[in-house]
N, C-alpha and C. Protein backbone atom coordinates (compact mmCIF):
# COMPACT_ATOMS: atom_id res chain seq x y z
N MET A 1 155.43 86.08 66.20
CA MET A 1 154.18 86.36 66.92
C MET A 1 153.35 87.28 66.06
N THR A 2 152.08 86.95 65.95
CA THR A 2 151.20 87.76 65.11
C THR A 2 150.91 89.07 65.80
N ARG A 3 150.42 90.05 65.04
CA ARG A 3 150.10 91.37 65.57
C ARG A 3 149.00 91.29 66.61
N ARG A 4 147.99 90.47 66.42
CA ARG A 4 146.88 90.32 67.38
C ARG A 4 147.40 89.69 68.66
N ARG A 5 148.33 88.71 68.58
CA ARG A 5 148.87 88.04 69.76
C ARG A 5 149.69 89.03 70.58
N ARG A 6 150.51 89.87 69.88
CA ARG A 6 151.35 90.85 70.58
C ARG A 6 150.48 91.83 71.36
N HIS A 7 149.37 92.27 70.83
CA HIS A 7 148.48 93.24 71.49
C HIS A 7 147.87 92.63 72.76
N THR A 8 147.54 91.35 72.74
CA THR A 8 146.95 90.69 73.90
C THR A 8 147.95 90.56 75.02
N VAL A 9 149.21 90.24 74.71
CA VAL A 9 150.26 90.11 75.73
C VAL A 9 150.54 91.42 76.40
N LEU A 10 150.61 92.52 75.61
CA LEU A 10 150.87 93.85 76.18
C LEU A 10 149.76 94.27 77.13
N LEU A 11 148.50 94.00 76.80
CA LEU A 11 147.36 94.35 77.64
C LEU A 11 147.42 93.59 78.94
N ALA A 12 147.79 92.30 78.90
CA ALA A 12 147.88 91.49 80.12
C ALA A 12 148.98 92.00 81.00
N ALA A 13 150.08 92.42 80.41
CA ALA A 13 151.20 92.94 81.20
C ALA A 13 150.81 94.22 81.91
N SER A 14 150.02 95.10 81.24
CA SER A 14 149.58 96.36 81.85
C SER A 14 148.69 96.10 83.06
N VAL A 15 147.81 95.12 82.95
CA VAL A 15 146.90 94.78 84.05
C VAL A 15 147.69 94.29 85.25
N VAL A 16 148.72 93.44 85.01
CA VAL A 16 149.55 92.92 86.10
C VAL A 16 150.28 94.05 86.79
N ALA A 17 150.81 95.01 86.03
CA ALA A 17 151.57 96.13 86.61
C ALA A 17 150.67 97.01 87.45
N LEU A 18 149.46 97.29 86.95
CA LEU A 18 148.51 98.13 87.69
C LEU A 18 148.12 97.48 88.99
N SER A 19 147.89 96.16 88.99
CA SER A 19 147.52 95.43 90.20
C SER A 19 148.64 95.51 91.23
N ALA A 20 149.88 95.43 90.78
CA ALA A 20 151.02 95.50 91.70
C ALA A 20 151.11 96.87 92.34
N MET A 21 150.82 97.93 91.59
CA MET A 21 150.86 99.29 92.14
C MET A 21 149.79 99.48 93.20
N LEU A 22 148.56 99.01 92.96
CA LEU A 22 147.47 99.13 93.92
C LEU A 22 147.79 98.37 95.18
N ALA A 23 148.39 97.21 95.07
CA ALA A 23 148.73 96.40 96.24
C ALA A 23 149.76 97.12 97.08
N ALA A 24 150.69 97.82 96.45
CA ALA A 24 151.73 98.54 97.19
C ALA A 24 151.15 99.69 97.97
N CYS A 25 150.07 100.34 97.47
CA CYS A 25 149.46 101.50 98.12
C CYS A 25 148.52 101.10 99.24
N ALA A 26 148.01 99.88 99.25
CA ALA A 26 147.02 99.46 100.26
C ALA A 26 147.70 99.27 101.60
N PRO A 27 147.00 99.57 102.76
CA PRO A 27 147.61 99.38 104.07
C PRO A 27 147.80 97.92 104.38
N ALA A 28 148.82 97.68 105.20
CA ALA A 28 149.09 96.29 105.57
C ALA A 28 148.03 95.80 106.50
N ASP A 29 147.93 94.46 106.62
CA ASP A 29 146.92 93.86 107.51
C ASP A 29 147.09 94.39 108.92
N GLY A 30 145.95 94.84 109.56
CA GLY A 30 145.98 95.33 110.93
C GLY A 30 146.32 96.79 111.03
N GLU A 31 146.64 97.50 109.98
CA GLU A 31 146.98 98.91 110.02
C GLU A 31 145.75 99.73 109.67
N ALA A 32 145.34 100.61 110.59
CA ALA A 32 144.12 101.39 110.38
C ALA A 32 144.38 102.54 109.43
N THR A 33 143.37 102.84 108.64
CA THR A 33 143.47 103.99 107.76
C THR A 33 143.36 105.26 108.60
N PRO A 34 144.26 106.21 108.46
CA PRO A 34 144.22 107.42 109.29
C PRO A 34 142.88 108.12 109.17
N ALA A 35 142.31 108.56 110.33
CA ALA A 35 141.01 109.26 110.32
C ALA A 35 141.24 110.70 109.90
N THR A 36 140.20 111.28 109.31
CA THR A 36 140.28 112.68 108.89
C THR A 36 140.33 113.56 110.13
N SER A 37 141.28 114.46 110.23
CA SER A 37 141.40 115.30 111.42
C SER A 37 140.28 116.33 111.48
N ALA A 38 139.89 116.71 112.73
CA ALA A 38 138.82 117.68 112.92
C ALA A 38 139.30 119.05 112.48
N PRO A 39 138.41 119.89 111.95
CA PRO A 39 138.83 121.22 111.51
C PRO A 39 139.27 122.05 112.72
N SER A 40 140.27 122.88 112.50
CA SER A 40 140.75 123.72 113.60
C SER A 40 139.79 124.87 113.83
N ARG A 41 139.81 125.43 115.10
CA ARG A 41 138.95 126.55 115.45
C ARG A 41 139.82 127.73 115.82
N THR A 42 139.33 128.91 115.47
CA THR A 42 140.10 130.11 115.77
C THR A 42 139.77 130.66 117.15
N ASP A 43 138.70 130.13 117.80
CA ASP A 43 138.33 130.66 119.12
C ASP A 43 138.97 129.88 120.25
N GLY A 44 139.74 128.85 119.94
CA GLY A 44 140.43 128.09 120.97
C GLY A 44 139.57 127.12 121.71
N ALA A 45 138.29 126.98 121.34
CA ALA A 45 137.39 126.08 122.04
C ALA A 45 137.47 124.70 121.46
N THR A 46 137.19 123.73 122.28
CA THR A 46 137.15 122.35 121.80
C THR A 46 135.89 122.15 120.97
N PRO A 47 136.00 121.59 119.77
CA PRO A 47 134.80 121.39 118.95
C PRO A 47 133.72 120.66 119.73
N GLY A 48 132.52 121.21 119.67
CA GLY A 48 131.39 120.58 120.34
C GLY A 48 131.20 121.03 121.77
N ALA A 49 132.19 121.76 122.33
CA ALA A 49 132.06 122.21 123.72
C ALA A 49 131.23 123.47 123.77
N SER A 50 130.49 123.64 124.88
CA SER A 50 129.69 124.85 125.04
C SER A 50 130.58 125.99 125.47
N PRO A 51 130.34 127.20 124.97
CA PRO A 51 131.15 128.34 125.37
C PRO A 51 130.95 128.66 126.83
N GLY A 52 131.93 129.24 127.49
CA GLY A 52 131.81 129.59 128.90
C GLY A 52 130.91 130.79 129.07
N VAL A 53 130.36 130.96 130.30
CA VAL A 53 129.50 132.08 130.63
C VAL A 53 130.21 132.92 131.67
N SER A 54 130.34 134.20 131.41
CA SER A 54 131.03 135.09 132.33
C SER A 54 130.14 135.42 133.50
N GLY A 55 130.73 135.45 134.71
CA GLY A 55 129.97 135.80 135.90
C GLY A 55 130.12 137.26 136.28
N SER A 56 130.84 138.03 135.46
CA SER A 56 131.05 139.44 135.75
C SER A 56 129.77 140.22 135.59
N PRO A 57 129.44 141.15 136.53
CA PRO A 57 128.21 141.92 136.41
C PRO A 57 128.22 142.84 135.22
N THR A 58 129.41 143.14 134.68
CA THR A 58 129.48 144.01 133.52
C THR A 58 129.44 143.24 132.21
N GLY A 59 129.44 141.90 132.25
CA GLY A 59 129.38 141.11 131.04
C GLY A 59 127.97 141.08 130.48
N SER A 60 127.85 140.69 129.22
CA SER A 60 126.53 140.61 128.60
C SER A 60 125.76 139.47 129.22
N PRO A 61 124.58 139.75 129.80
CA PRO A 61 123.81 138.68 130.43
C PRO A 61 123.28 137.70 129.41
N SER A 62 123.19 136.45 129.80
CA SER A 62 122.65 135.43 128.92
C SER A 62 121.14 135.57 128.85
N PRO A 63 120.53 135.35 127.69
CA PRO A 63 119.08 135.42 127.58
C PRO A 63 118.42 134.42 128.51
N ALA A 64 117.28 134.81 129.06
CA ALA A 64 116.55 133.91 129.93
C ALA A 64 115.94 132.78 129.11
N PRO A 65 115.88 131.56 129.66
CA PRO A 65 115.25 130.46 128.94
C PRO A 65 113.79 130.78 128.63
N THR A 66 113.32 130.27 127.52
CA THR A 66 111.93 130.48 127.17
C THR A 66 111.02 129.83 128.20
N SER A 67 110.13 130.62 128.76
CA SER A 67 109.24 130.12 129.80
C SER A 67 108.00 129.50 129.19
N THR A 68 107.58 128.40 129.76
CA THR A 68 106.37 127.75 129.27
C THR A 68 105.16 128.15 130.10
N SER A 69 105.38 128.90 131.20
CA SER A 69 104.27 129.34 132.05
C SER A 69 103.69 130.63 131.52
N ALA A 70 102.49 130.96 131.98
CA ALA A 70 101.82 132.18 131.55
C ALA A 70 102.58 133.39 132.07
N PRO A 71 102.64 134.49 131.30
CA PRO A 71 103.35 135.67 131.76
C PRO A 71 102.68 136.28 132.99
N VAL A 72 103.48 136.95 133.80
CA VAL A 72 102.96 137.61 134.99
C VAL A 72 102.03 138.74 134.57
N ALA A 73 100.91 138.86 135.25
CA ALA A 73 99.92 139.90 134.92
C ALA A 73 100.37 141.25 135.45
N ILE A 74 100.24 142.28 134.63
CA ILE A 74 100.54 143.65 135.05
C ILE A 74 99.26 144.25 135.64
N PRO A 75 99.36 144.95 136.76
CA PRO A 75 98.17 145.56 137.37
C PRO A 75 97.47 146.51 136.40
N VAL A 76 96.19 146.70 136.62
CA VAL A 76 95.41 147.61 135.78
C VAL A 76 94.83 148.77 136.58
N ASP A 77 95.12 148.82 137.88
CA ASP A 77 94.58 149.87 138.75
C ASP A 77 95.69 150.38 139.66
N CYS A 78 95.96 151.68 139.59
CA CYS A 78 97.07 152.26 140.35
C CYS A 78 96.82 152.25 141.86
N GLU A 79 95.58 152.28 142.27
CA GLU A 79 95.27 152.27 143.70
C GLU A 79 95.14 150.85 144.24
N ALA A 80 94.48 149.98 143.48
CA ALA A 80 94.21 148.62 143.95
C ALA A 80 95.49 147.82 144.19
N MET A 81 96.57 148.19 143.53
CA MET A 81 97.81 147.42 143.70
C MET A 81 98.57 147.82 144.96
N LEU A 82 98.10 148.83 145.67
CA LEU A 82 98.77 149.32 146.87
C LEU A 82 98.07 148.84 148.13
N SER A 83 98.84 148.67 149.18
CA SER A 83 98.27 148.27 150.47
C SER A 83 97.54 149.46 151.11
N ASP A 84 96.71 149.18 152.10
CA ASP A 84 95.99 150.25 152.79
C ASP A 84 96.97 151.24 153.43
N ALA A 85 98.06 150.72 153.98
CA ALA A 85 99.04 151.59 154.64
C ALA A 85 99.68 152.57 153.65
N VAL A 86 99.97 152.11 152.45
CA VAL A 86 100.58 152.99 151.45
C VAL A 86 99.56 153.99 150.93
N ARG A 87 98.34 153.54 150.70
CA ARG A 87 97.30 154.47 150.22
C ARG A 87 97.05 155.56 151.25
N ALA A 88 97.15 155.23 152.52
CA ALA A 88 96.94 156.23 153.57
C ALA A 88 98.01 157.33 153.49
N GLN A 89 99.24 156.96 153.12
CA GLN A 89 100.31 157.94 153.01
C GLN A 89 100.13 158.84 151.78
N LEU A 90 99.36 158.37 150.82
CA LEU A 90 99.13 159.14 149.60
C LEU A 90 97.80 159.89 149.65
N ALA A 91 97.10 159.79 150.74
CA ALA A 91 95.79 160.45 150.88
C ALA A 91 95.94 161.95 150.65
N GLY A 92 95.08 162.49 149.81
CA GLY A 92 95.11 163.91 149.50
C GLY A 92 95.95 164.24 148.28
N THR A 93 96.72 163.28 147.77
CA THR A 93 97.52 163.51 146.56
C THR A 93 96.74 163.04 145.34
N PRO A 94 96.43 163.92 144.39
CA PRO A 94 95.66 163.52 143.21
C PRO A 94 96.36 162.41 142.43
N LEU A 95 95.55 161.52 141.87
CA LEU A 95 96.07 160.42 141.05
C LEU A 95 95.63 160.59 139.60
N ASN A 96 96.58 160.58 138.71
CA ASN A 96 96.34 160.63 137.26
C ASN A 96 95.48 161.83 136.86
N ASP A 97 95.81 162.98 137.39
CA ASP A 97 95.09 164.20 137.04
C ASP A 97 95.37 164.56 135.58
N PRO A 98 94.33 164.72 134.75
CA PRO A 98 94.54 165.04 133.33
C PRO A 98 95.33 166.33 133.12
N ALA A 99 95.30 167.22 134.11
CA ALA A 99 96.01 168.50 133.96
C ALA A 99 97.53 168.32 133.91
N LEU A 100 98.02 167.17 134.33
CA LEU A 100 99.46 166.92 134.27
C LEU A 100 99.95 166.79 132.83
N GLY A 101 99.06 166.38 131.93
CA GLY A 101 99.43 166.25 130.53
C GLY A 101 100.38 165.11 130.23
N VAL A 102 100.31 164.04 131.04
CA VAL A 102 101.16 162.87 130.80
C VAL A 102 100.28 161.63 130.65
N PRO A 103 100.76 160.60 129.93
CA PRO A 103 99.97 159.37 129.80
C PRO A 103 99.76 158.72 131.17
N THR A 104 98.55 158.30 131.44
CA THR A 104 98.26 157.61 132.71
C THR A 104 97.32 156.45 132.45
N GLY A 105 97.24 155.56 133.43
CA GLY A 105 96.38 154.39 133.31
C GLY A 105 96.98 153.31 132.44
N VAL A 106 96.14 152.38 131.99
CA VAL A 106 96.59 151.27 131.15
C VAL A 106 96.86 151.78 129.74
N GLN A 107 98.04 151.44 129.21
CA GLN A 107 98.43 151.88 127.88
C GLN A 107 98.15 150.81 126.83
N ALA A 108 98.30 151.18 125.58
CA ALA A 108 97.99 150.27 124.47
C ALA A 108 98.85 149.01 124.50
N ASP A 109 100.08 149.11 125.01
CA ASP A 109 100.97 147.95 125.06
C ASP A 109 100.79 147.11 126.33
N GLY A 110 99.79 147.48 127.15
CA GLY A 110 99.52 146.72 128.37
C GLY A 110 100.24 147.23 129.60
N SER A 111 101.12 148.22 129.44
CA SER A 111 101.82 148.79 130.59
C SER A 111 100.87 149.67 131.39
N LEU A 112 101.27 149.98 132.62
CA LEU A 112 100.45 150.82 133.50
C LEU A 112 101.26 152.04 133.91
N GLU A 113 100.66 153.23 133.75
CA GLU A 113 101.29 154.48 134.15
C GLU A 113 100.49 155.09 135.29
N CYS A 114 101.18 155.39 136.40
CA CYS A 114 100.53 155.97 137.57
C CYS A 114 101.23 157.27 137.94
N ALA A 115 100.47 158.35 138.05
CA ALA A 115 101.04 159.66 138.39
C ALA A 115 100.33 160.20 139.63
N TRP A 116 101.05 160.20 140.73
CA TRP A 116 100.55 160.76 141.98
C TRP A 116 101.14 162.16 142.12
N ARG A 117 100.34 163.18 141.80
CA ARG A 117 100.86 164.55 141.89
C ARG A 117 99.73 165.56 141.72
N ASP A 118 99.82 166.60 142.51
CA ASP A 118 98.92 167.75 142.36
C ASP A 118 99.49 168.64 141.26
N PRO A 119 98.73 168.91 140.20
CA PRO A 119 99.25 169.74 139.10
C PRO A 119 99.72 171.12 139.57
N ARG A 120 99.23 171.58 140.70
CA ARG A 120 99.62 172.90 141.20
C ARG A 120 100.94 172.88 141.97
N ALA A 121 101.43 171.68 142.29
CA ALA A 121 102.67 171.57 143.06
C ALA A 121 103.88 171.84 142.18
N ASP A 122 104.89 172.45 142.77
CA ASP A 122 106.11 172.75 142.01
C ASP A 122 106.93 171.50 141.73
N THR A 123 107.01 170.60 142.71
CA THR A 123 107.89 169.44 142.52
C THR A 123 107.35 168.16 143.12
N THR A 124 106.57 168.23 144.19
CA THR A 124 106.15 167.02 144.90
C THR A 124 105.33 166.11 143.99
N GLY A 125 105.78 164.85 143.86
CA GLY A 125 105.05 163.91 143.03
C GLY A 125 105.76 162.58 142.92
N LEU A 126 105.02 161.60 142.40
CA LEU A 126 105.54 160.24 142.26
C LEU A 126 104.98 159.65 140.98
N PHE A 127 105.84 159.11 140.14
CA PHE A 127 105.43 158.56 138.85
C PHE A 127 105.95 157.13 138.71
N THR A 128 105.05 156.20 138.41
CA THR A 128 105.43 154.78 138.29
C THR A 128 104.98 154.23 136.95
N THR A 129 105.89 153.51 136.32
CA THR A 129 105.58 152.77 135.09
C THR A 129 105.82 151.29 135.35
N ILE A 130 104.83 150.46 135.05
CA ILE A 130 104.98 149.01 135.15
C ILE A 130 104.82 148.45 133.75
N SER A 131 105.87 147.83 133.24
CA SER A 131 105.87 147.38 131.85
C SER A 131 106.61 146.06 131.72
N ARG A 132 106.53 145.47 130.55
CA ARG A 132 107.25 144.23 130.27
C ARG A 132 108.62 144.56 129.67
N MET A 133 109.62 143.83 130.13
CA MET A 133 110.97 143.98 129.58
C MET A 133 111.70 142.66 129.73
N ASN A 134 112.30 142.21 128.64
CA ASN A 134 113.04 140.95 128.67
C ASN A 134 114.27 141.05 129.57
N ARG A 135 114.76 139.90 130.00
CA ARG A 135 115.85 139.83 130.96
C ARG A 135 117.11 140.56 130.48
N GLY A 136 117.54 140.29 129.23
CA GLY A 136 118.76 140.89 128.73
C GLY A 136 118.74 142.41 128.77
N PRO A 137 117.77 143.06 128.11
CA PRO A 137 117.71 144.52 128.15
C PRO A 137 117.55 145.08 129.56
N ALA A 138 116.78 144.37 130.40
CA ALA A 138 116.56 144.86 131.76
C ALA A 138 117.87 144.86 132.56
N LEU A 139 118.61 143.74 132.51
CA LEU A 139 119.85 143.68 133.26
C LEU A 139 120.91 144.60 132.69
N ASP A 140 120.92 144.80 131.38
CA ASP A 140 121.84 145.77 130.79
C ASP A 140 121.56 147.17 131.35
N MET A 141 120.29 147.54 131.41
CA MET A 141 119.92 148.86 131.91
C MET A 141 120.28 149.02 133.39
N LEU A 142 119.96 148.01 134.20
CA LEU A 142 120.24 148.09 135.63
C LEU A 142 121.75 148.11 135.90
N ASN A 143 122.51 147.30 135.16
CA ASN A 143 123.96 147.32 135.30
C ASN A 143 124.54 148.68 134.94
N ASP A 144 123.97 149.31 133.91
CA ASP A 144 124.45 150.61 133.49
C ASP A 144 124.15 151.66 134.56
N LEU A 145 122.98 151.58 135.19
CA LEU A 145 122.65 152.52 136.27
C LEU A 145 123.62 152.36 137.44
N ALA A 146 123.98 151.11 137.73
CA ALA A 146 124.91 150.86 138.83
C ALA A 146 126.32 151.33 138.49
N ASP A 147 126.75 151.09 137.25
CA ASP A 147 128.13 151.38 136.85
C ASP A 147 128.37 152.86 136.57
N THR A 148 127.38 153.53 136.00
CA THR A 148 127.62 154.91 135.54
C THR A 148 126.90 155.97 136.36
N GLU A 149 125.86 155.59 137.11
CA GLU A 149 125.09 156.60 137.84
C GLU A 149 125.05 156.34 139.35
N GLY A 150 125.75 155.34 139.79
CA GLY A 150 125.87 155.13 141.23
C GLY A 150 124.65 154.57 141.92
N PHE A 151 123.79 153.87 141.19
CA PHE A 151 122.64 153.24 141.82
C PHE A 151 123.09 152.06 142.68
N ASN A 152 122.40 151.84 143.77
CA ASN A 152 122.66 150.69 144.63
C ASN A 152 121.74 149.56 144.20
N CYS A 153 122.31 148.43 143.78
CA CYS A 153 121.52 147.32 143.26
C CYS A 153 121.71 146.08 144.12
N TYR A 154 120.64 145.36 144.35
CA TYR A 154 120.68 144.10 145.10
C TYR A 154 119.55 143.21 144.60
N THR A 155 119.43 142.01 145.18
CA THR A 155 118.49 141.02 144.63
C THR A 155 117.53 140.49 145.70
N PRO A 156 116.53 141.28 146.07
CA PRO A 156 115.53 140.81 147.04
C PRO A 156 114.33 140.19 146.34
N ASP A 157 113.58 139.37 147.06
CA ASP A 157 112.28 138.85 146.57
C ASP A 157 112.38 138.21 145.19
N MET A 158 113.48 137.50 144.92
CA MET A 158 113.67 136.77 143.67
C MET A 158 113.75 137.69 142.45
N GLY A 159 114.06 138.96 142.69
CA GLY A 159 114.19 139.91 141.59
C GLY A 159 115.45 140.73 141.74
N THR A 160 115.59 141.78 140.90
CA THR A 160 116.72 142.69 140.98
C THR A 160 116.19 144.10 141.21
N ARG A 161 116.73 144.75 142.24
CA ARG A 161 116.25 146.08 142.62
C ARG A 161 117.41 147.07 142.62
N CYS A 162 117.20 148.24 142.03
CA CYS A 162 118.20 149.30 142.01
C CYS A 162 117.54 150.60 142.47
N GLU A 163 118.24 151.37 143.30
CA GLU A 163 117.65 152.60 143.81
C GLU A 163 118.73 153.65 144.09
N LYS A 164 118.29 154.90 144.06
CA LYS A 164 119.20 156.01 144.33
C LYS A 164 118.38 157.23 144.71
N THR A 165 118.90 158.04 145.64
CA THR A 165 118.28 159.31 146.00
C THR A 165 119.31 160.42 145.81
N TRP A 166 118.83 161.65 145.60
CA TRP A 166 119.72 162.79 145.42
C TRP A 166 118.97 164.08 145.79
N GLN A 167 119.71 165.14 145.97
CA GLN A 167 119.14 166.43 146.31
C GLN A 167 118.57 167.09 145.07
N ASN A 168 117.32 167.58 145.18
CA ASN A 168 116.72 168.31 144.08
C ASN A 168 117.55 169.55 143.78
N MET A 169 117.78 169.83 142.50
CA MET A 169 118.66 170.93 142.12
C MET A 169 118.03 172.30 142.31
N GLN A 170 116.70 172.35 142.45
CA GLN A 170 116.03 173.65 142.56
C GLN A 170 115.38 173.88 143.92
N TYR A 171 114.91 172.76 144.54
CA TYR A 171 114.20 172.90 145.81
C TYR A 171 114.91 172.08 146.89
N PRO A 172 114.70 172.44 148.15
CA PRO A 172 115.37 171.71 149.24
C PRO A 172 114.62 170.43 149.61
N VAL A 173 114.48 169.54 148.63
CA VAL A 173 113.78 168.28 148.83
C VAL A 173 114.60 167.15 148.22
N THR A 174 114.25 165.93 148.56
CA THR A 174 114.96 164.76 148.05
C THR A 174 114.22 164.15 146.87
N ASP A 175 114.94 163.87 145.80
CA ASP A 175 114.40 163.16 144.64
C ASP A 175 114.98 161.74 144.64
N GLY A 176 114.37 160.86 143.87
CA GLY A 176 114.90 159.50 143.81
C GLY A 176 114.26 158.68 142.72
N ARG A 177 114.83 157.50 142.54
CA ARG A 177 114.30 156.54 141.56
C ARG A 177 114.53 155.14 142.10
N THR A 178 113.51 154.32 141.97
CA THR A 178 113.59 152.91 142.38
C THR A 178 113.10 152.03 141.24
N LEU A 179 113.88 151.01 140.90
CA LEU A 179 113.49 150.07 139.85
C LEU A 179 113.54 148.65 140.41
N TYR A 180 112.60 147.84 139.96
CA TYR A 180 112.58 146.43 140.37
C TYR A 180 112.17 145.60 139.16
N TRP A 181 113.00 144.58 138.84
CA TRP A 181 112.70 143.69 137.71
C TRP A 181 112.61 142.25 138.17
N ARG A 182 111.60 141.56 137.65
CA ARG A 182 111.44 140.13 137.93
C ARG A 182 110.48 139.52 136.90
N ASP A 183 110.82 138.35 136.42
CA ASP A 183 109.93 137.57 135.53
C ASP A 183 109.42 138.38 134.34
N GLY A 184 110.29 139.21 133.76
CA GLY A 184 109.89 139.95 132.57
C GLY A 184 109.06 141.18 132.84
N VAL A 185 108.93 141.61 134.09
CA VAL A 185 108.16 142.80 134.44
C VAL A 185 109.06 143.79 135.16
N LEU A 186 109.01 145.06 134.73
CA LEU A 186 109.81 146.11 135.35
C LEU A 186 108.91 147.14 136.02
N ILE A 187 109.19 147.43 137.29
CA ILE A 187 108.52 148.49 138.04
C ILE A 187 109.52 149.64 138.14
N ASP A 188 109.18 150.78 137.59
CA ASP A 188 110.11 151.92 137.53
C ASP A 188 109.41 153.14 138.12
N THR A 189 109.91 153.62 139.25
CA THR A 189 109.30 154.74 139.96
C THR A 189 110.29 155.88 140.12
N MET A 190 109.87 157.08 139.72
CA MET A 190 110.64 158.30 139.95
C MET A 190 109.81 159.20 140.85
N TYR A 191 110.45 159.84 141.81
CA TYR A 191 109.70 160.65 142.77
C TYR A 191 110.49 161.87 143.21
N SER A 192 109.76 162.84 143.73
CA SER A 192 110.35 164.04 144.28
C SER A 192 109.54 164.46 145.49
N ASN A 193 110.17 164.47 146.64
CA ASN A 193 109.53 164.89 147.89
C ASN A 193 108.27 164.09 148.22
N LEU A 194 108.18 162.89 147.68
CA LEU A 194 107.03 162.03 147.96
C LEU A 194 107.48 160.58 147.83
N ALA A 195 107.79 159.95 148.97
CA ALA A 195 108.30 158.58 148.96
C ALA A 195 107.60 157.77 150.06
N PRO A 196 106.39 157.30 149.79
CA PRO A 196 105.65 156.53 150.79
C PRO A 196 106.42 155.28 151.22
N SER A 197 106.49 155.04 152.50
CA SER A 197 107.18 153.86 153.01
C SER A 197 106.50 152.59 152.53
N GLY A 198 107.28 151.67 151.96
CA GLY A 198 106.74 150.40 151.50
C GLY A 198 106.04 150.45 150.16
N TYR A 199 106.18 151.54 149.42
CA TYR A 199 105.47 151.70 148.14
C TYR A 199 105.81 150.59 147.14
N THR A 200 107.09 150.45 146.80
CA THR A 200 107.49 149.42 145.83
C THR A 200 107.22 148.02 146.35
N ASP A 201 107.47 147.78 147.64
CA ASP A 201 107.20 146.47 148.21
C ASP A 201 105.73 146.10 148.11
N SER A 202 104.87 147.10 148.24
CA SER A 202 103.43 146.86 148.13
C SER A 202 103.05 146.43 146.71
N ILE A 203 103.67 147.05 145.71
CA ILE A 203 103.40 146.66 144.32
C ILE A 203 103.92 145.25 144.05
N ILE A 204 105.11 144.95 144.56
CA ILE A 204 105.67 143.61 144.38
C ILE A 204 104.75 142.56 144.98
N ALA A 205 104.25 142.82 146.19
CA ALA A 205 103.34 141.87 146.83
C ALA A 205 102.05 141.71 146.04
N SER A 206 101.57 142.79 145.42
CA SER A 206 100.34 142.72 144.64
C SER A 206 100.51 141.89 143.37
N ILE A 207 101.67 142.00 142.74
CA ILE A 207 101.91 141.28 141.48
C ILE A 207 102.27 139.82 141.72
N TRP A 208 103.17 139.58 142.67
CA TRP A 208 103.68 138.22 142.85
C TRP A 208 103.11 137.52 144.10
N GLY A 209 102.43 138.30 144.92
CA GLY A 209 101.75 137.75 146.09
C GLY A 209 102.55 136.80 146.91
């Protein structure tokens, strides 16, 4: 056999051997190729499943869905937002007296500050801030007041309300604080010896009607 003939035979034999090896590795007819397994997770959740939401009041609240409606308007007048009955209870109490030295009226961020107090009074007065606050921070704050400071919280008028009263440490009068959150708006009132009946409810009715 010539040298060129021997080289051709060896090459043909190699091709036959390689074909036999590939045939042995291929799956038999009707046998499926194993699918690639899904990556494991360290959180124990099923891939693609939504995480659970805790219903505990001390858990982190879920962010509120983005609203497509216009934001609720914050009042711009401390008197106009109150009912006649509430204004009658505040008759004679100065409103936003500059001598108090505190911010009052509409602020640069759109919030409203209302100060009902005679600057000459030792303690009697009522201060309200109406501002915007997102759901998460608002509920965190209200939950903290309930858990650590003993505020009583409940959910009237489609919102969340927390309130507490206590004895003034210097004078024989009652102090207190009432908060109400709804639709991204927080009404926060602190008072001492001045708690007009229906005050917060009047503001709620003025904003949400």
